[in-house]
Amino acid sequence: MQLLKARLSDQLIELAAGLRQQPPPAREGWLGRSYDTSATLEQTREAVRQLLDAQRGNLLEASRHRVRVEKQAEILAALERVAFLVEDLLVVLAQTHREDLPPSPLDPELAGIIAAALEELAALVRVFDQDVSVDDDRVQDVEACMSRLTQEFGRRRDLAASDVALLGAVVANLRRCTAAIHPEAERVKAL
């Protein structure tokens, strides 16, 4: 599980670095920042399957370790969701810089805000387990970056419809990543 968390965290850091790069990467540059997490995901799935199989074979051990094994399966499901969302975010970012489109709305200020959110999310992914509370500083740091990003997005009145769609996709994707790792943070925010 640690290897998967590290891989996803590194991918988020790589995307943040791309956002801080001036000029930003072209489509091929973004796609070159993709990390193939499929092998790591499959290894982690296999480890969780082995834990589940071991439980079935030994009822005494199953009752003793049931909660731990269930937590591992839930963490894996959340990390799989994050892996999917990070890949989707990479595709969105790759589409921001095409020769046939006007300049990207991701100016250095906005790109920096998104990069900070990605870096905070990466820190949270690296330590993710179900014992991290909503009050944890790392969760609060992610939420603060997301609030700043949402405020900046709302402040920009001069954006074209395509820019609004692009930035909306980035914000929604980051919110979904946060919710996959820490659904309680999203529920508390909604209250």
N, C-alpha and C. Protein backbone atom coordinates (compact mmCIF):
# COMPACT_ATOMS: atom_id res chain seq x y z
N MET A 1 0.83 -1.18 0.00
CA MET A 1 0.00 0.00 0.00
C MET A 1 0.88 1.26 0.00
N GLN A 2 2.00 1.18 0.72
CA GLN A 2 2.89 2.34 0.81
C GLN A 2 3.44 2.71 -0.56
N LEU A 3 3.78 1.72 -1.36
CA LEU A 3 4.32 1.98 -2.68
C LEU A 3 3.29 2.69 -3.56
N LEU A 4 2.05 2.26 -3.49
CA LEU A 4 0.98 2.90 -4.26
C LEU A 4 0.78 4.34 -3.81
N LYS A 5 0.75 4.57 -2.51
CA LYS A 5 0.60 5.94 -2.00
C LYS A 5 1.76 6.81 -2.47
N ALA A 6 2.98 6.29 -2.40
CA ALA A 6 4.14 7.06 -2.83
C ALA A 6 4.08 7.36 -4.32
N ARG A 7 3.65 6.39 -5.10
CA ARG A 7 3.56 6.57 -6.57
C ARG A 7 2.54 7.65 -6.93
N LEU A 8 1.38 7.58 -6.31
CA LEU A 8 0.34 8.59 -6.57
C LEU A 8 0.79 9.97 -6.09
N SER A 9 1.41 10.02 -4.95
CA SER A 9 1.92 11.28 -4.42
C SER A 9 2.95 11.88 -5.36
N ASP A 10 3.87 11.05 -5.84
CA ASP A 10 4.89 11.52 -6.78
C ASP A 10 4.25 12.04 -8.07
N GLN A 11 3.20 11.38 -8.53
CA GLN A 11 2.50 11.83 -9.74
C GLN A 11 1.89 13.21 -9.53
N LEU A 12 1.27 13.43 -8.37
CA LEU A 12 0.69 14.73 -8.07
C LEU A 12 1.78 15.82 -8.00
N ILE A 13 2.91 15.50 -7.41
CA ILE A 13 4.03 16.45 -7.33
C ILE A 13 4.54 16.78 -8.74
N GLU A 14 4.59 15.78 -9.59
CA GLU A 14 5.03 15.99 -10.98
C GLU A 14 4.07 16.91 -11.73
N LEU A 15 2.78 16.75 -11.51
CA LEU A 15 1.80 17.64 -12.14
C LEU A 15 1.95 19.06 -11.60
N ALA A 16 2.17 19.19 -10.31
CA ALA A 16 2.38 20.51 -9.72
C ALA A 16 3.62 21.18 -10.33
N ALA A 17 4.67 20.42 -10.52
CA ALA A 17 5.89 20.96 -11.13
C ALA A 17 5.61 21.44 -12.55
N GLY A 18 4.80 20.70 -13.28
CA GLY A 18 4.43 21.12 -14.63
C GLY A 18 3.66 22.43 -14.62
N LEU A 19 2.79 22.60 -13.64
CA LEU A 19 2.02 23.84 -13.54
C LEU A 19 2.91 25.03 -13.20
N ARG A 20 3.96 24.79 -12.46
CA ARG A 20 4.87 25.88 -12.06
C ARG A 20 5.87 26.22 -13.18
N GLN A 21 5.98 25.34 -14.16
CA GLN A 21 6.92 25.54 -15.26
C GLN A 21 6.44 26.68 -16.16
N GLN A 22 7.37 27.55 -16.57
CA GLN A 22 7.05 28.65 -17.49
C GLN A 22 8.00 28.59 -18.68
N PRO A 23 7.51 28.47 -19.87
CA PRO A 23 6.10 28.31 -20.21
C PRO A 23 5.63 26.91 -19.82
N PRO A 24 4.32 26.75 -19.66
CA PRO A 24 3.79 25.45 -19.26
C PRO A 24 4.08 24.39 -20.33
N PRO A 25 4.06 23.14 -19.94
CA PRO A 25 4.31 22.08 -20.92
C PRO A 25 3.25 22.08 -22.02
N ALA A 26 3.65 21.68 -23.19
CA ALA A 26 2.70 21.44 -24.27
C ALA A 26 2.05 20.08 -24.00
N ARG A 27 1.14 19.70 -24.85
CA ARG A 27 0.39 18.45 -24.67
C ARG A 27 1.34 17.26 -24.43
N GLU A 28 2.34 17.13 -25.27
CA GLU A 28 3.28 16.00 -25.15
C GLU A 28 4.05 16.07 -23.83
N GLY A 29 4.36 17.29 -23.41
CA GLY A 29 5.06 17.46 -22.14
C GLY A 29 4.22 17.00 -20.96
N TRP A 30 2.92 17.32 -21.02
CA TRP A 30 2.02 16.84 -19.95
C TRP A 30 1.92 15.33 -19.98
N LEU A 31 1.71 14.78 -21.17
CA LEU A 31 1.54 13.33 -21.26
C LEU A 31 2.81 12.59 -20.86
N GLY A 32 3.96 13.23 -21.03
CA GLY A 32 5.23 12.65 -20.58
C GLY A 32 5.36 12.62 -19.07
N ARG A 33 4.51 13.34 -18.37
CA ARG A 33 4.54 13.37 -16.91
C ARG A 33 3.65 12.28 -16.31
N SER A 34 3.08 11.46 -17.15
CA SER A 34 2.19 10.40 -16.67
C SER A 34 2.99 9.26 -16.03
N TYR A 35 2.53 8.82 -14.91
CA TYR A 35 3.12 7.67 -14.23
C TYR A 35 2.19 6.49 -14.45
N ASP A 36 2.75 5.38 -14.84
CA ASP A 36 1.94 4.18 -15.01
C ASP A 36 1.79 3.52 -13.64
N THR A 37 0.59 3.65 -13.08
CA THR A 37 0.34 3.08 -11.75
C THR A 37 -0.33 1.71 -11.83
N SER A 38 -0.57 1.21 -13.04
CA SER A 38 -1.33 -0.04 -13.17
C SER A 38 -0.62 -1.22 -12.49
N ALA A 39 0.69 -1.35 -12.65
CA ALA A 39 1.40 -2.47 -12.02
C ALA A 39 1.37 -2.35 -10.50
N THR A 40 1.57 -1.14 -10.00
CA THR A 40 1.53 -0.92 -8.55
C THR A 40 0.14 -1.17 -8.01
N LEU A 41 -0.88 -0.72 -8.74
CA LEU A 41 -2.26 -0.98 -8.33
C LEU A 41 -2.53 -2.48 -8.28
N GLU A 42 -2.09 -3.19 -9.30
CA GLU A 42 -2.34 -4.64 -9.34
C GLU A 42 -1.61 -5.36 -8.21
N GLN A 43 -0.39 -4.96 -7.89
CA GLN A 43 0.35 -5.57 -6.77
C GLN A 43 -0.39 -5.32 -5.46
N THR A 44 -0.91 -4.13 -5.29
CA THR A 44 -1.64 -3.79 -4.07
C THR A 44 -2.94 -4.57 -3.99
N ARG A 45 -3.65 -4.67 -5.12
CA ARG A 45 -4.88 -5.48 -5.15
C ARG A 45 -4.59 -6.93 -4.76
N GLU A 46 -3.49 -7.46 -5.30
CA GLU A 46 -3.13 -8.85 -5.00
C GLU A 46 -2.81 -9.02 -3.51
N ALA A 47 -2.12 -8.08 -2.93
CA ALA A 47 -1.81 -8.16 -1.50
C ALA A 47 -3.10 -8.15 -0.67
N VAL A 48 -4.05 -7.30 -1.03
CA VAL A 48 -5.32 -7.26 -0.31
C VAL A 48 -6.10 -8.56 -0.54
N ARG A 49 -6.08 -9.08 -1.77
CA ARG A 49 -6.75 -10.37 -2.04
C ARG A 49 -6.16 -11.48 -1.17
N GLN A 50 -4.84 -11.48 -1.03
CA GLN A 50 -4.19 -12.50 -0.20
C GLN A 50 -4.61 -12.38 1.25
N LEU A 51 -4.74 -11.15 1.74
CA LEU A 51 -5.22 -10.94 3.11
C LEU A 51 -6.64 -11.49 3.26
N LEU A 52 -7.49 -11.20 2.28
CA LEU A 52 -8.87 -11.69 2.33
C LEU A 52 -8.92 -13.22 2.26
N ASP A 53 -8.09 -13.81 1.39
CA ASP A 53 -8.05 -15.27 1.28
C ASP A 53 -7.53 -15.92 2.57
N ALA A 54 -6.55 -15.31 3.19
CA ALA A 54 -6.01 -15.83 4.44
C ALA A 54 -7.08 -15.82 5.52
N GLN A 55 -7.92 -14.81 5.51
CA GLN A 55 -9.01 -14.74 6.48
C GLN A 55 -9.98 -15.89 6.28
N ARG A 56 -10.29 -16.18 5.04
CA ARG A 56 -11.26 -17.26 4.77
C ARG A 56 -10.74 -18.62 5.22
N GLY A 57 -9.41 -18.79 5.17
CA GLY A 57 -8.83 -20.07 5.52
C GLY A 57 -8.65 -20.29 7.01
N ASN A 58 -8.71 -19.25 7.80
CA ASN A 58 -8.45 -19.37 9.23
C ASN A 58 -9.44 -18.48 9.98
N LEU A 59 -10.49 -19.05 10.47
CA LEU A 59 -11.55 -18.27 11.11
C LEU A 59 -11.07 -17.54 12.36
N LEU A 60 -10.17 -18.15 13.12
CA LEU A 60 -9.65 -17.49 14.32
C LEU A 60 -8.89 -16.22 13.94
N GLU A 61 -8.00 -16.35 12.95
CA GLU A 61 -7.26 -15.18 12.47
C GLU A 61 -8.19 -14.17 11.83
N ALA A 62 -9.20 -14.65 11.14
CA ALA A 62 -10.15 -13.74 10.47
C ALA A 62 -10.83 -12.83 11.47
N SER A 63 -11.28 -13.40 12.57
CA SER A 63 -11.96 -12.56 13.56
C SER A 63 -10.99 -11.58 14.22
N ARG A 64 -9.76 -11.97 14.36
CA ARG A 64 -8.76 -11.13 14.99
C ARG A 64 -8.33 -9.96 14.10
N HIS A 65 -8.30 -10.17 12.79
CA HIS A 65 -7.76 -9.16 11.87
C HIS A 65 -8.81 -8.60 10.91
N ARG A 66 -10.07 -8.90 11.14
CA ARG A 66 -11.13 -8.49 10.23
C ARG A 66 -11.15 -6.99 9.99
N VAL A 67 -11.09 -6.20 11.05
CA VAL A 67 -11.16 -4.74 10.92
C VAL A 67 -9.98 -4.21 10.12
N ARG A 68 -8.79 -4.72 10.39
CA ARG A 68 -7.59 -4.27 9.68
C ARG A 68 -7.67 -4.60 8.19
N VAL A 69 -8.13 -5.78 7.87
CA VAL A 69 -8.24 -6.19 6.47
C VAL A 69 -9.31 -5.36 5.76
N GLU A 70 -10.42 -5.12 6.43
CA GLU A 70 -11.47 -4.29 5.83
C GLU A 70 -10.96 -2.87 5.58
N LYS A 71 -10.18 -2.33 6.50
CA LYS A 71 -9.60 -0.99 6.32
C LYS A 71 -8.68 -0.97 5.10
N GLN A 72 -7.86 -2.01 4.97
CA GLN A 72 -6.95 -2.08 3.82
C GLN A 72 -7.73 -2.09 2.51
N ALA A 73 -8.82 -2.84 2.46
CA ALA A 73 -9.65 -2.89 1.25
C ALA A 73 -10.28 -1.52 0.97
N GLU A 74 -10.73 -0.83 1.99
CA GLU A 74 -11.32 0.51 1.81
C GLU A 74 -10.27 1.53 1.37
N ILE A 75 -9.08 1.45 1.94
CA ILE A 75 -8.01 2.35 1.53
C ILE A 75 -7.64 2.10 0.07
N LEU A 76 -7.54 0.84 -0.30
CA LEU A 76 -7.24 0.50 -1.69
C LEU A 76 -8.30 1.08 -2.63
N ALA A 77 -9.57 0.93 -2.29
CA ALA A 77 -10.64 1.47 -3.14
C ALA A 77 -10.50 2.99 -3.30
N ALA A 78 -10.17 3.68 -2.23
CA ALA A 78 -10.00 5.13 -2.29
C ALA A 78 -8.80 5.49 -3.16
N LEU A 79 -7.71 4.77 -3.02
CA LEU A 79 -6.51 5.04 -3.81
C LEU A 79 -6.73 4.73 -5.29
N GLU A 80 -7.52 3.69 -5.58
CA GLU A 80 -7.86 3.40 -6.97
C GLU A 80 -8.64 4.57 -7.58
N ARG A 81 -9.54 5.12 -6.81
CA ARG A 81 -10.32 6.28 -7.28
C ARG A 81 -9.39 7.47 -7.53
N VAL A 82 -8.48 7.72 -6.62
CA VAL A 82 -7.53 8.82 -6.80
C VAL A 82 -6.68 8.59 -8.05
N ALA A 83 -6.21 7.36 -8.27
CA ALA A 83 -5.40 7.06 -9.46
C ALA A 83 -6.17 7.39 -10.73
N PHE A 84 -7.43 7.01 -10.77
CA PHE A 84 -8.27 7.31 -11.93
C PHE A 84 -8.42 8.82 -12.10
N LEU A 85 -8.68 9.54 -11.02
CA LEU A 85 -8.89 10.98 -11.08
C LEU A 85 -7.61 11.73 -11.46
N VAL A 86 -6.47 11.25 -10.99
CA VAL A 86 -5.20 11.89 -11.33
C VAL A 86 -4.92 11.71 -12.83
N GLU A 87 -5.22 10.54 -13.33
CA GLU A 87 -5.05 10.30 -14.78
C GLU A 87 -5.98 11.22 -15.57
N ASP A 88 -7.20 11.38 -15.11
CA ASP A 88 -8.15 12.27 -15.76
C ASP A 88 -7.65 13.72 -15.70
N LEU A 89 -7.12 14.13 -14.57
CA LEU A 89 -6.58 15.48 -14.43
C LEU A 89 -5.43 15.71 -15.40
N LEU A 90 -4.60 14.72 -15.56
CA LEU A 90 -3.49 14.82 -16.51
C LEU A 90 -4.01 15.07 -17.93
N VAL A 91 -5.06 14.37 -18.32
CA VAL A 91 -5.67 14.56 -19.64
C VAL A 91 -6.22 15.97 -19.77
N VAL A 92 -6.89 16.45 -18.73
CA VAL A 92 -7.43 17.82 -18.75
C VAL A 92 -6.29 18.83 -18.91
N LEU A 93 -5.22 18.66 -18.15
CA LEU A 93 -4.10 19.59 -18.24
C LEU A 93 -3.44 19.52 -19.62
N ALA A 94 -3.36 18.33 -20.18
CA ALA A 94 -2.77 18.17 -21.52
C ALA A 94 -3.59 18.91 -22.56
N GLN A 95 -4.87 19.04 -22.33
CA GLN A 95 -5.74 19.73 -23.28
C GLN A 95 -5.71 21.24 -23.13
N THR A 96 -5.05 21.75 -22.10
CA THR A 96 -5.04 23.20 -21.89
C THR A 96 -4.11 23.91 -22.86
N HIS A 97 -3.16 23.21 -23.41
CA HIS A 97 -2.17 23.85 -24.27
C HIS A 97 -2.13 23.14 -25.62
N ARG A 98 -2.95 23.65 -26.52
CA ARG A 98 -2.96 23.13 -27.89
C ARG A 98 -2.78 24.30 -28.84
N GLU A 99 -2.16 24.02 -29.95
CA GLU A 99 -1.88 25.06 -30.93
C GLU A 99 -3.15 25.68 -31.49
N ASP A 100 -4.24 24.91 -31.57
CA ASP A 100 -5.47 25.41 -32.18
C ASP A 100 -6.39 26.10 -31.17
N LEU A 101 -5.94 26.26 -29.94
CA LEU A 101 -6.74 26.92 -28.91
C LEU A 101 -6.12 28.26 -28.53
N PRO A 102 -6.94 29.18 -28.02
CA PRO A 102 -6.36 30.42 -27.48
C PRO A 102 -5.50 30.09 -26.26
N PRO A 103 -4.73 31.05 -25.78
CA PRO A 103 -3.88 30.78 -24.62
C PRO A 103 -4.70 30.22 -23.44
N SER A 104 -4.05 29.38 -22.69
CA SER A 104 -4.69 28.74 -21.55
C SER A 104 -5.07 29.75 -20.48
N PRO A 105 -6.18 29.51 -19.77
CA PRO A 105 -6.53 30.38 -18.65
C PRO A 105 -5.64 30.14 -17.44
N LEU A 106 -4.75 29.17 -17.54
CA LEU A 106 -3.89 28.86 -16.40
C LEU A 106 -2.67 29.78 -16.40
N ASP A 107 -2.91 31.05 -16.09
CA ASP A 107 -1.81 31.99 -15.97
C ASP A 107 -0.97 31.58 -14.75
N PRO A 108 0.23 32.15 -14.60
CA PRO A 108 1.11 31.73 -13.51
C PRO A 108 0.46 31.78 -12.12
N GLU A 109 -0.36 32.79 -11.85
CA GLU A 109 -0.99 32.89 -10.53
C GLU A 109 -1.96 31.73 -10.29
N LEU A 110 -2.83 31.50 -11.24
CA LEU A 110 -3.82 30.43 -11.09
C LEU A 110 -3.13 29.06 -11.12
N ALA A 111 -2.16 28.90 -12.00
CA ALA A 111 -1.41 27.64 -12.05
C ALA A 111 -0.71 27.38 -10.72
N GLY A 112 -0.19 28.44 -10.10
CA GLY A 112 0.47 28.29 -8.80
C GLY A 112 -0.49 27.85 -7.71
N ILE A 113 -1.70 28.37 -7.75
CA ILE A 113 -2.71 27.97 -6.76
C ILE A 113 -3.09 26.50 -6.94
N ILE A 114 -3.25 26.09 -8.20
CA ILE A 114 -3.57 24.68 -8.47
C ILE A 114 -2.39 23.79 -8.06
N ALA A 115 -1.17 24.25 -8.36
CA ALA A 115 0.01 23.47 -7.98
C ALA A 115 0.09 23.30 -6.47
N ALA A 116 -0.20 24.35 -5.72
CA ALA A 116 -0.18 24.25 -4.25
C ALA A 116 -1.22 23.24 -3.78
N ALA A 117 -2.40 23.25 -4.39
CA ALA A 117 -3.44 22.27 -4.02
C ALA A 117 -2.96 20.85 -4.32
N LEU A 118 -2.32 20.66 -5.46
CA LEU A 118 -1.79 19.34 -5.81
C LEU A 118 -0.72 18.89 -4.82
N GLU A 119 0.15 19.81 -4.42
CA GLU A 119 1.21 19.46 -3.47
C GLU A 119 0.64 19.09 -2.10
N GLU A 120 -0.37 19.81 -1.66
CA GLU A 120 -1.00 19.47 -0.38
C GLU A 120 -1.73 18.13 -0.47
N LEU A 121 -2.39 17.91 -1.60
CA LEU A 121 -3.07 16.63 -1.81
C LEU A 121 -2.04 15.49 -1.84
N ALA A 122 -0.90 15.73 -2.47
CA ALA A 122 0.16 14.72 -2.51
C ALA A 122 0.64 14.36 -1.10
N ALA A 123 0.79 15.37 -0.25
CA ALA A 123 1.21 15.12 1.13
C ALA A 123 0.18 14.28 1.87
N LEU A 124 -1.09 14.55 1.62
CA LEU A 124 -2.16 13.79 2.26
C LEU A 124 -2.21 12.36 1.73
N VAL A 125 -2.06 12.19 0.43
CA VAL A 125 -2.07 10.84 -0.16
C VAL A 125 -0.93 10.01 0.43
N ARG A 126 0.22 10.61 0.60
CA ARG A 126 1.40 9.87 1.08
C ARG A 126 1.17 9.26 2.47
N VAL A 127 0.39 9.95 3.31
CA VAL A 127 0.16 9.45 4.68
C VAL A 127 -1.24 8.88 4.87
N PHE A 128 -1.99 8.78 3.79
CA PHE A 128 -3.40 8.40 3.89
C PHE A 128 -3.60 7.06 4.58
N ASP A 129 -4.39 7.11 5.61
CA ASP A 129 -5.00 5.93 6.19
C ASP A 129 -6.30 6.42 6.82
N GLN A 130 -7.09 5.53 7.28
CA GLN A 130 -8.40 5.95 7.77
C GLN A 130 -8.37 6.54 9.17
N ASP A 131 -7.18 6.66 9.73
CA ASP A 131 -7.08 7.26 11.05
C ASP A 131 -6.77 8.75 10.99
N VAL A 132 -6.57 9.29 9.80
CA VAL A 132 -6.32 10.72 9.65
C VAL A 132 -7.67 11.42 9.81
N SER A 133 -7.76 12.28 10.82
CA SER A 133 -9.05 12.92 11.11
C SER A 133 -9.26 14.16 10.26
N VAL A 134 -10.49 14.62 10.22
CA VAL A 134 -10.84 15.82 9.47
C VAL A 134 -10.11 17.03 10.03
N ASP A 135 -9.77 17.00 11.31
CA ASP A 135 -9.08 18.12 11.94
C ASP A 135 -7.57 18.10 11.72
N ASP A 136 -7.08 17.05 11.11
CA ASP A 136 -5.65 16.92 10.85
C ASP A 136 -5.17 18.11 10.01
N ASP A 137 -3.99 18.62 10.31
CA ASP A 137 -3.44 19.76 9.59
C ASP A 137 -3.35 19.50 8.09
N ARG A 138 -3.01 18.27 7.71
CA ARG A 138 -2.87 17.96 6.28
C ARG A 138 -4.20 18.07 5.55
N VAL A 139 -5.26 17.61 6.20
CA VAL A 139 -6.60 17.74 5.61
C VAL A 139 -6.98 19.21 5.54
N GLN A 140 -6.70 19.95 6.58
CA GLN A 140 -7.00 21.38 6.61
C GLN A 140 -6.21 22.13 5.54
N ASP A 141 -4.95 21.73 5.31
CA ASP A 141 -4.13 22.37 4.28
C ASP A 141 -4.72 22.15 2.88
N VAL A 142 -5.17 20.93 2.61
CA VAL A 142 -5.81 20.64 1.32
C VAL A 142 -7.06 21.49 1.17
N GLU A 143 -7.88 21.52 2.22
CA GLU A 143 -9.12 22.30 2.16
C GLU A 143 -8.85 23.79 1.97
N ALA A 144 -7.81 24.31 2.62
CA ALA A 144 -7.47 25.73 2.46
C ALA A 144 -7.06 26.03 1.02
N CYS A 145 -6.27 25.15 0.43
CA CYS A 145 -5.88 25.34 -0.98
C CYS A 145 -7.08 25.24 -1.90
N MET A 146 -7.98 24.32 -1.62
CA MET A 146 -9.17 24.18 -2.46
C MET A 146 -10.06 25.42 -2.32
N SER A 147 -10.17 25.96 -1.13
CA SER A 147 -10.97 27.18 -0.94
C SER A 147 -10.35 28.34 -1.70
N ARG A 148 -9.04 28.46 -1.63
CA ARG A 148 -8.36 29.54 -2.36
C ARG A 148 -8.56 29.38 -3.86
N LEU A 149 -8.47 28.16 -4.35
CA LEU A 149 -8.67 27.89 -5.77
C LEU A 149 -10.10 28.22 -6.20
N THR A 150 -11.06 27.82 -5.39
CA THR A 150 -12.46 28.10 -5.70
C THR A 150 -12.72 29.61 -5.70
N GLN A 151 -12.15 30.32 -4.73
CA GLN A 151 -12.32 31.78 -4.68
C GLN A 151 -11.70 32.45 -5.91
N GLU A 152 -10.52 32.01 -6.28
CA GLU A 152 -9.86 32.60 -7.45
C GLU A 152 -10.65 32.30 -8.72
N PHE A 153 -11.15 31.10 -8.82
CA PHE A 153 -11.96 30.71 -9.97
C PHE A 153 -13.21 31.59 -10.04
N GLY A 154 -13.85 31.83 -8.91
CA GLY A 154 -15.05 32.66 -8.87
C GLY A 154 -14.77 34.13 -9.14
N ARG A 155 -13.57 34.57 -8.83
CA ARG A 155 -13.18 35.97 -9.01
C ARG A 155 -12.97 36.32 -10.48
N ARG A 156 -12.64 35.34 -11.27
CA ARG A 156 -12.30 35.58 -12.68
C ARG A 156 -13.57 35.70 -13.52
N ARG A 157 -13.94 36.92 -13.82
CA ARG A 157 -15.17 37.19 -14.59
C ARG A 157 -14.92 37.28 -16.08
N ASP A 158 -13.66 37.37 -16.50
CA ASP A 158 -13.35 37.59 -17.90
C ASP A 158 -13.05 36.30 -18.66
N LEU A 159 -13.37 35.16 -18.10
CA LEU A 159 -13.04 33.89 -18.74
C LEU A 159 -14.04 33.53 -19.83
N ALA A 160 -13.54 32.97 -20.90
CA ALA A 160 -14.39 32.43 -21.95
C ALA A 160 -15.07 31.17 -21.43
N ALA A 161 -16.14 30.77 -22.08
CA ALA A 161 -16.88 29.57 -21.66
C ALA A 161 -15.98 28.33 -21.64
N SER A 162 -15.11 28.21 -22.63
CA SER A 162 -14.21 27.04 -22.66
C SER A 162 -13.24 27.07 -21.49
N ASP A 163 -12.80 28.27 -21.10
CA ASP A 163 -11.91 28.40 -19.95
C ASP A 163 -12.63 28.04 -18.65
N VAL A 164 -13.88 28.47 -18.54
CA VAL A 164 -14.68 28.14 -17.36
C VAL A 164 -14.84 26.62 -17.26
N ALA A 165 -15.10 25.99 -18.40
CA ALA A 165 -15.26 24.53 -18.41
C ALA A 165 -13.97 23.84 -17.99
N LEU A 166 -12.85 24.32 -18.49
CA LEU A 166 -11.56 23.73 -18.16
C LEU A 166 -11.26 23.88 -16.67
N LEU A 167 -11.37 25.09 -16.16
CA LEU A 167 -11.08 25.33 -14.76
C LEU A 167 -12.07 24.61 -13.85
N GLY A 168 -13.32 24.57 -14.28
CA GLY A 168 -14.32 23.82 -13.51
C GLY A 168 -13.96 22.35 -13.42
N ALA A 169 -13.46 21.80 -14.52
CA ALA A 169 -13.05 20.39 -14.52
C ALA A 169 -11.88 20.16 -13.57
N VAL A 170 -10.93 21.09 -13.55
CA VAL A 170 -9.78 20.97 -12.64
C VAL A 170 -10.24 21.03 -11.19
N VAL A 171 -11.07 22.03 -10.87
CA VAL A 171 -11.56 22.18 -9.50
C VAL A 171 -12.37 20.95 -9.08
N ALA A 172 -13.28 20.50 -9.95
CA ALA A 172 -14.10 19.33 -9.62
C ALA A 172 -13.24 18.10 -9.42
N ASN A 173 -12.24 17.93 -10.26
CA ASN A 173 -11.36 16.77 -10.15
C ASN A 173 -10.61 16.78 -8.82
N LEU A 174 -10.08 17.93 -8.45
CA LEU A 174 -9.36 18.02 -7.18
C LEU A 174 -10.30 17.79 -6.00
N ARG A 175 -11.51 18.30 -6.08
CA ARG A 175 -12.50 18.05 -5.01
C ARG A 175 -12.81 16.56 -4.90
N ARG A 176 -12.94 15.90 -6.04
CA ARG A 176 -13.23 14.46 -6.03
C ARG A 176 -12.06 13.67 -5.44
N CYS A 177 -10.84 14.07 -5.76
CA CYS A 177 -9.67 13.41 -5.16
C CYS A 177 -9.69 13.56 -3.64
N THR A 178 -9.96 14.77 -3.18
CA THR A 178 -10.02 15.02 -1.74
C THR A 178 -11.12 14.19 -1.11
N ALA A 179 -12.28 14.14 -1.74
CA ALA A 179 -13.41 13.38 -1.20
C ALA A 179 -13.13 11.88 -1.20
N ALA A 180 -12.40 11.39 -2.20
CA ALA A 180 -12.06 9.96 -2.24
C ALA A 180 -11.19 9.58 -1.05
N ILE A 181 -10.28 10.47 -0.70
CA ILE A 181 -9.37 10.20 0.42
C ILE A 181 -10.03 10.51 1.75
N HIS A 182 -10.79 11.58 1.77
CA HIS A 182 -11.37 12.01 3.03
C HIS A 182 -12.80 12.48 2.87
N PRO A 183 -13.75 11.55 2.71
CA PRO A 183 -15.14 11.94 2.49
C PRO A 183 -15.70 12.81 3.62
N GLU A 184 -15.21 12.62 4.83
CA GLU A 184 -15.71 13.40 5.95
C GLU A 184 -15.42 14.89 5.76
N ALA A 185 -14.30 15.21 5.15
CA ALA A 185 -13.96 16.62 4.92
C ALA A 185 -15.00 17.28 4.03
N GLU A 186 -15.46 16.59 3.02
CA GLU A 186 -16.48 17.14 2.13
C GLU A 186 -17.82 17.27 2.84
N ARG A 187 -18.16 16.29 3.69
CA ARG A 187 -19.42 16.36 4.41
C ARG A 187 -19.42 17.52 5.41
N VAL A 188 -18.30 17.70 6.12
CA VAL A 188 -18.20 18.79 7.08
C VAL A 188 -18.28 20.12 6.35
N LYS A 189 -17.63 20.24 5.21
CA LYS A 189 -17.63 21.47 4.44
C LYS A 189 -19.06 21.82 3.96
N ALA A 190 -19.86 20.81 3.65
CA ALA A 190 -21.21 21.02 3.14
C ALA A 190 -22.17 21.49 4.25
N LEU A 191 -21.84 21.21 5.50
CA LEU A 191 -22.74 21.57 6.61
C LEU A 191 -22.76 23.04 6.91
